[in-house]
Protein backbone atom coordinates (compact mmCIF):
# COMPACT_ATOMS: atom_id res chain seq x y z
CA MET A 1 213.11 -99.41 152.84
CA PRO A 2 214.33 -101.79 155.54
CA LYS A 3 211.78 -102.87 158.13
CA GLY A 4 211.75 -100.73 161.26
CA THR A 5 213.32 -97.67 159.64
CA ARG A 6 210.12 -95.60 159.26
CA LEU A 7 210.23 -92.47 161.38
CA PRO A 8 207.10 -91.21 163.22
CA LYS A 9 204.46 -89.37 161.19
CA ASN A 10 205.28 -85.68 160.57
CA PHE A 11 208.95 -86.13 161.47
CA ARG A 12 210.73 -83.02 160.17
CA VAL A 13 212.76 -83.41 156.95
CA TYR A 14 213.19 -87.21 156.97
CA ASP A 15 210.84 -90.17 156.58
CA PHE A 16 213.25 -93.05 157.25
CA TYR A 17 216.35 -93.62 159.38
CA ASP A 18 218.40 -96.82 159.29
CA GLU A 19 220.24 -97.10 162.60
CA LYS A 20 222.60 -99.79 161.27
CA THR A 21 223.87 -97.78 158.31
CA GLY A 22 223.19 -94.19 159.41
CA LEU A 23 221.20 -93.61 156.22
CA VAL A 24 218.42 -91.03 156.40
CA THR A 25 215.89 -90.80 153.60
CA SER A 26 213.44 -88.09 152.65
CA VAL A 27 210.64 -89.26 150.34
CA LYS A 28 208.87 -86.73 148.12
CA THR A 29 206.56 -86.54 145.14
CA LEU A 30 206.93 -83.85 142.52
CA ASP A 31 204.08 -83.08 140.14
CA THR A 32 205.70 -81.99 136.89
CA ARG A 33 202.33 -81.68 135.13
CA THR A 34 201.27 -78.31 136.59
CA ALA A 35 200.97 -75.46 134.10
CA SER A 36 203.58 -73.38 135.93
CA ARG A 37 206.14 -76.21 136.02
CA ILE A 38 205.61 -76.97 132.34
CA LYS A 39 206.00 -73.28 131.46
CA ASN A 40 208.95 -72.76 133.82
CA PRO A 41 210.84 -76.06 134.38
CA LYS A 42 213.39 -74.27 136.60
CA GLN A 43 210.76 -74.46 139.35
CA LEU A 44 211.58 -78.17 139.59
CA TYR A 45 215.23 -77.44 140.28
CA THR A 46 214.29 -74.86 142.90
CA SER A 47 211.93 -77.26 144.68
CA MET A 48 214.41 -80.14 144.62
CA LYS A 49 217.26 -77.88 145.76
CA GLU A 50 215.16 -76.79 148.76
CA ASN A 51 214.61 -80.44 149.70
CA ILE A 52 218.34 -81.17 149.37
CA ASP A 53 219.26 -78.10 151.42
CA LYS A 54 216.86 -79.14 154.19
CA THR A 55 218.56 -82.54 154.44
CA VAL A 56 221.99 -80.90 154.65
CA GLY A 57 220.83 -78.34 157.22
CA PHE A 58 219.12 -80.86 159.50
CA THR A 59 220.39 -80.76 163.08
CA LYS A 60 217.96 -82.61 165.37
CA GLU A 61 214.35 -83.76 165.69
CA THR A 62 212.47 -85.69 168.35
CA LYS A 63 208.99 -87.01 167.70
CA ALA A 64 207.04 -89.75 169.52
CA GLY A 65 210.11 -90.67 171.56
CA VAL A 66 212.37 -91.05 168.51
CA THR A 67 215.37 -88.74 168.21
CA VAL A 68 217.64 -88.31 165.21
CA THR A 69 220.60 -85.92 165.35
CA ALA A 70 223.05 -84.84 162.66
CA ASP A 71 225.78 -86.83 164.46
CA MET A 72 223.79 -90.04 163.90
CA ILE A 73 223.70 -89.53 160.11
CA SER A 74 226.37 -90.95 157.83
CA LYS A 75 224.47 -90.85 154.51
CA ARG A 76 221.66 -88.66 153.20
CA GLU A 77 219.21 -89.59 150.48
CA VAL A 78 216.27 -87.85 148.82
CA ARG A 79 213.89 -90.07 146.86
CA ILE A 80 211.52 -88.29 144.51
CA ALA A 81 208.65 -89.76 142.50
CA ILE A 82 207.79 -87.96 139.27
CA PRO A 83 205.25 -88.66 136.51
CA LYS A 84 206.38 -90.46 133.36
CA THR A 85 205.01 -87.52 131.33
CA THR A 86 207.87 -85.31 132.54
CA THR A 87 209.25 -83.30 129.60
CA PRO A 88 212.88 -83.23 128.38
CA ASP A 89 213.25 -79.61 129.59
CA GLN A 90 212.03 -80.69 133.01
CA TRP A 91 214.44 -83.65 133.03
CA GLU A 92 217.26 -81.21 132.39
CA GLN A 93 216.37 -79.38 135.62
CA ILE A 94 215.93 -82.65 137.53
CA ASN A 95 219.38 -83.81 136.41
CA ARG A 96 220.79 -80.44 137.45
CA ALA A 97 219.33 -80.99 140.94
CA ILE A 98 220.78 -84.53 141.07
CA THR A 99 224.21 -83.03 140.35
CA TYR A 100 223.66 -80.39 143.03
CA GLY A 101 222.76 -83.13 145.49
CA ALA A 102 225.94 -85.04 144.68
CA GLU A 103 227.97 -81.88 145.32
CA LYS A 104 226.32 -81.70 148.79
CA ASN A 105 226.86 -85.44 149.46
CA VAL A 106 223.14 -86.15 149.12
CA SER A 107 222.10 -89.05 146.92
CA VAL A 108 219.05 -88.08 144.84
CA LYS A 109 217.07 -91.03 143.47
CA ILE A 110 214.24 -90.57 140.99
CA THR A 111 211.36 -93.01 140.54
CA VAL A 112 209.14 -92.55 137.50
CA VAL A 113 205.47 -93.27 138.21
CA LYS A 114 202.38 -93.49 136.02
């Protein structure tokens, strides 16, 4: 993320805001290794959809003297880190959420971690 774009700690919905481009970014981790998410991969879609919907529904937040409003946003992004042990059934739900994000004009980027 570009230097100086980090929002104050506990800023609602977003973690980064780039004033120059109007890009807001929400950074999340998603543990796909829990028993319930292995048994019911649709939980991943539900969780990701909630994150996407929060970015779309964002209106305004002020924290530590920093204000971001919906009018200041030109692009929305959700970045999600997931374990490399994610199963094919889980990937199907993740890809479904990526498609949902695109339909809502939210870029969803996945990073696979160890």
